Each structure stands twice: as C-alpha cells, then as structure tokens.
Amino acid sequence: MTEQAIDLVPSLDKMVQVAGLNPKKLTVAFEADDRRHIRIVDKHAVVVADGHKMVSWVVPSLAELFRGNRTPPPDMNHYPPEYTPHFFSPASPVPGSPP
C-alpha cells in the first residue's frame, strides 16, 4: 500500500517544515477557562502540536483555507458520513487535559 501525501495549506505546510513538526500527528490545542470552556484569544493564531512540539500558526485569510472549485452541499446538516471524523465536538476532552 502506498502512503498518501498530506495536503496542507501552504502557510501551515511551511510552518510544519520550519518547526520540524510531524504532519501525520498534527493536533490543535485550545486554551480553556476554569469551567473548561474553550477560550479563543486570537482567532488568527492557532496552536498546533504533534505530540512533542507546540507552535503557533498564524492563520491566513479564509480565502487560502478554502481550496478547490466544488460547490459545498446545499444542506450541511446532512453531510456525507465520511466527513464525521473531521468534525470537532466541543464536548470532547482535549488530549492531556484533566478529566
């Protein structure tokens, strides 16, 4: 079986290469308050980790993040089942956080 290349947006790909992160193990870290509510300090900076290193990725404009020329489904409440693993659930614990 051949390994599929990871297709990252250019700015994230560059940050991963410069920081020496493992692109196969990327996760997003969130800051939480004492009630475990996610706190977004700067919506243009996302903390990205690979299990060993954490770096801040300066997120570009939304235009760079949306690629391709396909029209999104008209009703995203009925998304394809194969999309499910890519959605974030705010009720999910962040890895490494206390229970």
N, C-alpha and C. Protein backbone atom coordinates (compact mmCIF):
# COMPACT_ATOMS: atom_id res chain seq x y z
N MET A 1 0.85 -1.18 0.00
CA MET A 1 0.00 0.00 0.00
C MET A 1 0.89 1.24 0.00
N THR A 2 0.59 2.19 -0.87
CA THR A 2 1.37 3.42 -0.93
C THR A 2 0.81 4.42 0.07
N GLU A 3 1.70 5.22 0.62
CA GLU A 3 1.31 6.21 1.60
C GLU A 3 0.81 7.47 0.90
N GLN A 4 -0.35 7.97 1.35
CA GLN A 4 -0.94 9.16 0.75
C GLN A 4 -0.27 10.41 1.31
N ALA A 5 0.06 11.34 0.43
CA ALA A 5 0.68 12.60 0.85
C ALA A 5 -0.33 13.44 1.63
N ILE A 6 0.16 14.20 2.60
CA ILE A 6 -0.69 15.08 3.38
C ILE A 6 -0.72 16.43 2.68
N ASP A 7 -1.92 16.89 2.36
CA ASP A 7 -2.10 18.13 1.60
C ASP A 7 -2.48 19.26 2.55
N LEU A 8 -1.49 20.01 3.02
CA LEU A 8 -1.72 21.13 3.93
C LEU A 8 -1.76 22.43 3.14
N VAL A 9 -2.49 23.41 3.67
CA VAL A 9 -2.46 24.72 3.03
C VAL A 9 -1.02 25.23 3.10
N PRO A 10 -0.59 26.04 2.13
CA PRO A 10 0.82 26.44 2.05
C PRO A 10 1.40 27.04 3.34
N SER A 11 0.68 27.91 4.02
CA SER A 11 1.25 28.53 5.22
C SER A 11 1.41 27.52 6.35
N LEU A 12 0.50 26.58 6.49
CA LEU A 12 0.62 25.54 7.51
C LEU A 12 1.75 24.58 7.14
N ASP A 13 1.85 24.22 5.89
CA ASP A 13 2.91 23.34 5.43
C ASP A 13 4.28 23.95 5.73
N LYS A 14 4.43 25.24 5.46
CA LYS A 14 5.71 25.92 5.71
C LYS A 14 6.02 25.93 7.21
N MET A 15 5.01 26.23 8.03
CA MET A 15 5.21 26.27 9.47
C MET A 15 5.60 24.88 10.00
N VAL A 16 4.97 23.83 9.49
CA VAL A 16 5.29 22.46 9.90
C VAL A 16 6.74 22.13 9.54
N GLN A 17 7.17 22.51 8.34
CA GLN A 17 8.54 22.23 7.90
C GLN A 17 9.56 23.00 8.74
N VAL A 18 9.32 24.30 8.94
CA VAL A 18 10.26 25.14 9.68
C VAL A 18 10.38 24.68 11.14
N ALA A 19 9.24 24.32 11.75
CA ALA A 19 9.23 23.93 13.16
C ALA A 19 9.65 22.47 13.36
N GLY A 20 9.70 21.71 12.27
CA GLY A 20 10.07 20.30 12.39
C GLY A 20 8.98 19.44 12.99
N LEU A 21 7.72 19.80 12.76
CA LEU A 21 6.59 19.01 13.27
C LEU A 21 6.32 17.81 12.38
N ASN A 22 5.74 16.78 12.96
CA ASN A 22 5.34 15.60 12.20
C ASN A 22 3.95 15.87 11.64
N PRO A 23 3.79 16.06 10.32
CA PRO A 23 2.49 16.41 9.76
C PRO A 23 1.43 15.31 9.93
N LYS A 24 1.85 14.07 10.16
CA LYS A 24 0.90 12.98 10.34
C LYS A 24 0.26 12.98 11.72
N LYS A 25 0.84 13.75 12.65
CA LYS A 25 0.34 13.74 14.02
C LYS A 25 -0.14 15.11 14.49
N LEU A 26 -0.49 15.98 13.56
CA LEU A 26 -0.90 17.34 13.94
C LEU A 26 -2.22 17.34 14.71
N THR A 27 -2.25 18.13 15.76
CA THR A 27 -3.47 18.37 16.51
C THR A 27 -3.54 19.87 16.80
N VAL A 28 -4.71 20.32 17.19
CA VAL A 28 -4.91 21.72 17.54
C VAL A 28 -5.13 21.78 19.05
N ALA A 29 -4.42 22.68 19.71
CA ALA A 29 -4.55 22.85 21.16
C ALA A 29 -5.44 24.08 21.43
N PHE A 30 -6.29 23.95 22.43
CA PHE A 30 -7.17 25.05 22.82
C PHE A 30 -6.90 25.42 24.27
N GLU A 31 -6.99 26.69 24.56
CA GLU A 31 -6.92 27.15 25.94
C GLU A 31 -8.33 27.06 26.50
N ALA A 32 -8.44 26.65 27.75
CA ALA A 32 -9.76 26.54 28.39
C ALA A 32 -9.75 27.32 29.69
N ASP A 33 -10.94 27.82 30.08
CA ASP A 33 -11.05 28.52 31.35
C ASP A 33 -11.31 27.50 32.46
N ASP A 34 -11.54 27.98 33.68
CA ASP A 34 -11.72 27.07 34.82
C ASP A 34 -13.00 26.23 34.73
N ARG A 35 -13.91 26.60 33.84
CA ARG A 35 -15.13 25.81 33.63
C ARG A 35 -15.00 24.92 32.39
N ARG A 36 -13.78 24.85 31.86
CA ARG A 36 -13.44 24.02 30.69
C ARG A 36 -14.14 24.49 29.43
N HIS A 37 -14.39 25.79 29.34
CA HIS A 37 -14.92 26.39 28.13
C HIS A 37 -13.73 26.86 27.29
N ILE A 38 -13.80 26.58 26.01
CA ILE A 38 -12.71 26.99 25.12
C ILE A 38 -12.61 28.51 25.09
N ARG A 39 -11.39 29.00 25.18
CA ARG A 39 -11.13 30.44 25.15
C ARG A 39 -10.28 30.74 23.93
N ILE A 40 -10.79 31.56 23.04
CA ILE A 40 -10.06 31.97 21.84
C ILE A 40 -9.54 33.38 22.09
N VAL A 41 -8.23 33.50 22.23
CA VAL A 41 -7.62 34.80 22.50
C VAL A 41 -7.41 35.56 21.19
N ASP A 42 -6.88 34.88 20.20
CA ASP A 42 -6.60 35.49 18.90
C ASP A 42 -7.06 34.53 17.82
N LYS A 43 -8.12 34.88 17.12
CA LYS A 43 -8.67 33.97 16.12
C LYS A 43 -7.77 33.81 14.90
N HIS A 44 -6.70 34.57 14.84
CA HIS A 44 -5.76 34.45 13.72
C HIS A 44 -4.52 33.64 14.10
N ALA A 45 -4.47 33.13 15.33
CA ALA A 45 -3.34 32.31 15.77
C ALA A 45 -3.89 31.01 16.33
N VAL A 46 -3.41 29.89 15.80
CA VAL A 46 -3.85 28.57 16.22
C VAL A 46 -2.63 27.81 16.72
N VAL A 47 -2.73 27.25 17.91
CA VAL A 47 -1.64 26.46 18.46
C VAL A 47 -1.74 25.05 17.87
N VAL A 48 -0.66 24.63 17.21
CA VAL A 48 -0.61 23.33 16.55
C VAL A 48 0.47 22.51 17.23
N ALA A 49 0.19 21.22 17.46
CA ALA A 49 1.15 20.33 18.12
C ALA A 49 1.21 19.00 17.40
N ASP A 50 2.32 18.29 17.64
CA ASP A 50 2.45 16.95 17.06
C ASP A 50 2.70 15.89 18.13
N GLY A 51 2.51 16.25 19.39
CA GLY A 51 2.75 15.33 20.49
C GLY A 51 4.10 15.56 21.15
N HIS A 52 4.99 16.30 20.48
CA HIS A 52 6.31 16.60 21.02
C HIS A 52 6.58 18.10 21.07
N LYS A 53 6.11 18.82 20.06
CA LYS A 53 6.34 20.26 19.96
C LYS A 53 5.01 20.97 19.78
N MET A 54 4.96 22.22 20.27
CA MET A 54 3.79 23.08 20.06
C MET A 54 4.28 24.39 19.45
N VAL A 55 3.59 24.86 18.42
CA VAL A 55 3.92 26.14 17.80
C VAL A 55 2.64 26.87 17.46
N SER A 56 2.75 28.17 17.31
CA SER A 56 1.60 28.98 16.93
C SER A 56 1.63 29.20 15.42
N TRP A 57 0.54 28.85 14.78
CA TRP A 57 0.39 29.05 13.33
C TRP A 57 -0.45 30.29 13.12
N VAL A 58 0.09 31.26 12.42
CA VAL A 58 -0.65 32.47 12.08
C VAL A 58 -1.54 32.12 10.89
N VAL A 59 -2.83 32.06 11.13
CA VAL A 59 -3.79 31.62 10.12
C VAL A 59 -3.99 32.73 9.10
N PRO A 60 -3.88 32.37 7.82
CA PRO A 60 -4.06 33.37 6.77
C PRO A 60 -5.55 33.70 6.60
N SER A 61 -5.83 34.43 5.57
CA SER A 61 -7.23 34.75 5.28
C SER A 61 -7.99 33.47 4.97
N LEU A 62 -9.29 33.52 5.14
CA LEU A 62 -10.12 32.35 4.84
C LEU A 62 -9.98 31.91 3.40
N ALA A 63 -9.69 32.84 2.50
CA ALA A 63 -9.58 32.51 1.08
C ALA A 63 -8.52 31.43 0.84
N GLU A 64 -7.40 31.46 1.60
CA GLU A 64 -6.37 30.44 1.41
C GLU A 64 -6.81 29.08 1.94
N LEU A 65 -7.66 29.08 2.96
CA LEU A 65 -8.07 27.83 3.58
C LEU A 65 -9.08 27.06 2.74
N PHE A 66 -9.82 27.74 1.90
CA PHE A 66 -10.81 27.09 1.06
C PHE A 66 -10.21 26.90 -0.33
N ARG A 67 -10.02 25.62 -0.69
CA ARG A 67 -9.39 25.31 -1.96
C ARG A 67 -10.33 24.45 -2.80
N GLY A 68 -10.08 24.44 -4.06
CA GLY A 68 -10.90 23.63 -4.96
C GLY A 68 -11.98 24.47 -5.61
N ASN A 69 -12.76 23.82 -6.45
CA ASN A 69 -13.79 24.55 -7.18
C ASN A 69 -15.17 23.89 -7.06
N ARG A 70 -15.30 22.97 -6.11
CA ARG A 70 -16.58 22.30 -5.93
C ARG A 70 -17.49 23.13 -5.03
N THR A 71 -18.76 23.11 -5.33
CA THR A 71 -19.76 23.81 -4.53
C THR A 71 -20.07 22.97 -3.30
N PRO A 72 -20.16 23.61 -2.11
CA PRO A 72 -20.49 22.83 -0.92
C PRO A 72 -21.91 22.28 -1.01
N PRO A 73 -22.21 21.23 -0.27
CA PRO A 73 -23.57 20.68 -0.28
C PRO A 73 -24.56 21.75 0.17
N PRO A 74 -25.77 21.76 -0.38
CA PRO A 74 -26.74 22.79 -0.02
C PRO A 74 -27.22 22.69 1.42
N ASP A 75 -27.16 21.50 2.01
CA ASP A 75 -27.65 21.31 3.37
C ASP A 75 -26.57 20.60 4.18
N MET A 76 -25.76 21.38 4.90
CA MET A 76 -24.66 20.77 5.66
C MET A 76 -25.14 20.01 6.89
N ASN A 77 -26.45 20.05 7.20
CA ASN A 77 -26.96 19.21 8.27
C ASN A 77 -27.00 17.75 7.84
N HIS A 78 -26.85 17.51 6.57
CA HIS A 78 -26.83 16.15 6.03
C HIS A 78 -25.54 15.94 5.26
N TYR A 79 -24.42 16.10 5.98
CA TYR A 79 -23.10 15.95 5.37
C TYR A 79 -22.80 14.47 5.13
N PRO A 80 -21.90 14.18 4.22
CA PRO A 80 -21.52 12.79 3.97
C PRO A 80 -20.92 12.16 5.22
N PRO A 81 -21.27 10.91 5.53
CA PRO A 81 -20.75 10.24 6.74
C PRO A 81 -19.22 10.21 6.83
N GLU A 82 -18.53 10.18 5.68
CA GLU A 82 -17.07 10.14 5.73
C GLU A 82 -16.46 11.45 6.25
N TYR A 83 -17.27 12.52 6.36
CA TYR A 83 -16.78 13.79 6.91
C TYR A 83 -16.72 13.75 8.44
N THR A 84 -17.50 12.88 9.07
CA THR A 84 -17.67 12.87 10.52
C THR A 84 -16.36 12.88 11.29
N PRO A 85 -15.36 12.08 10.95
CA PRO A 85 -14.12 12.10 11.75
C PRO A 85 -13.39 13.44 11.74
N HIS A 86 -13.71 14.33 10.83
CA HIS A 86 -13.00 15.61 10.71
C HIS A 86 -13.67 16.73 11.49
N PHE A 87 -14.82 16.46 12.10
CA PHE A 87 -15.52 17.49 12.87
C PHE A 87 -15.05 17.48 14.31
N PHE A 88 -15.03 18.64 14.92
CA PHE A 88 -14.63 18.79 16.32
C PHE A 88 -15.88 18.90 17.16
N SER A 89 -15.91 18.16 18.24
CA SER A 89 -17.03 18.24 19.18
C SER A 89 -16.56 18.99 20.41
N PRO A 90 -17.17 20.13 20.74
CA PRO A 90 -16.76 20.89 21.93
C PRO A 90 -16.87 20.07 23.21
N ALA A 91 -17.66 19.00 23.19
CA ALA A 91 -17.80 18.16 24.39
C ALA A 91 -16.64 17.17 24.52
N SER A 92 -15.81 17.05 23.48
CA SER A 92 -14.70 16.11 23.53
C SER A 92 -13.58 16.68 24.39
N PRO A 93 -12.97 15.85 25.25
CA PRO A 93 -11.85 16.37 26.05
C PRO A 93 -10.63 16.60 25.16
N VAL A 94 -9.88 17.61 25.50
CA VAL A 94 -8.64 17.89 24.79
C VAL A 94 -7.59 16.93 25.33
N PRO A 95 -6.83 16.25 24.45
CA PRO A 95 -5.82 15.31 24.93
C PRO A 95 -4.87 15.98 25.91
N GLY A 96 -4.61 15.31 27.02
CA GLY A 96 -3.70 15.83 28.03
C GLY A 96 -4.36 16.72 29.05
N SER A 97 -5.68 16.98 28.89
CA SER A 97 -6.37 17.83 29.85
C SER A 97 -6.87 16.97 31.00
N PRO A 98 -7.02 17.56 32.19
CA PRO A 98 -7.53 16.79 33.32
C PRO A 98 -9.00 16.42 33.09
N PRO A 99 -9.44 15.29 33.64
CA PRO A 99 -10.83 14.86 33.44
C PRO A 99 -11.82 15.79 34.11
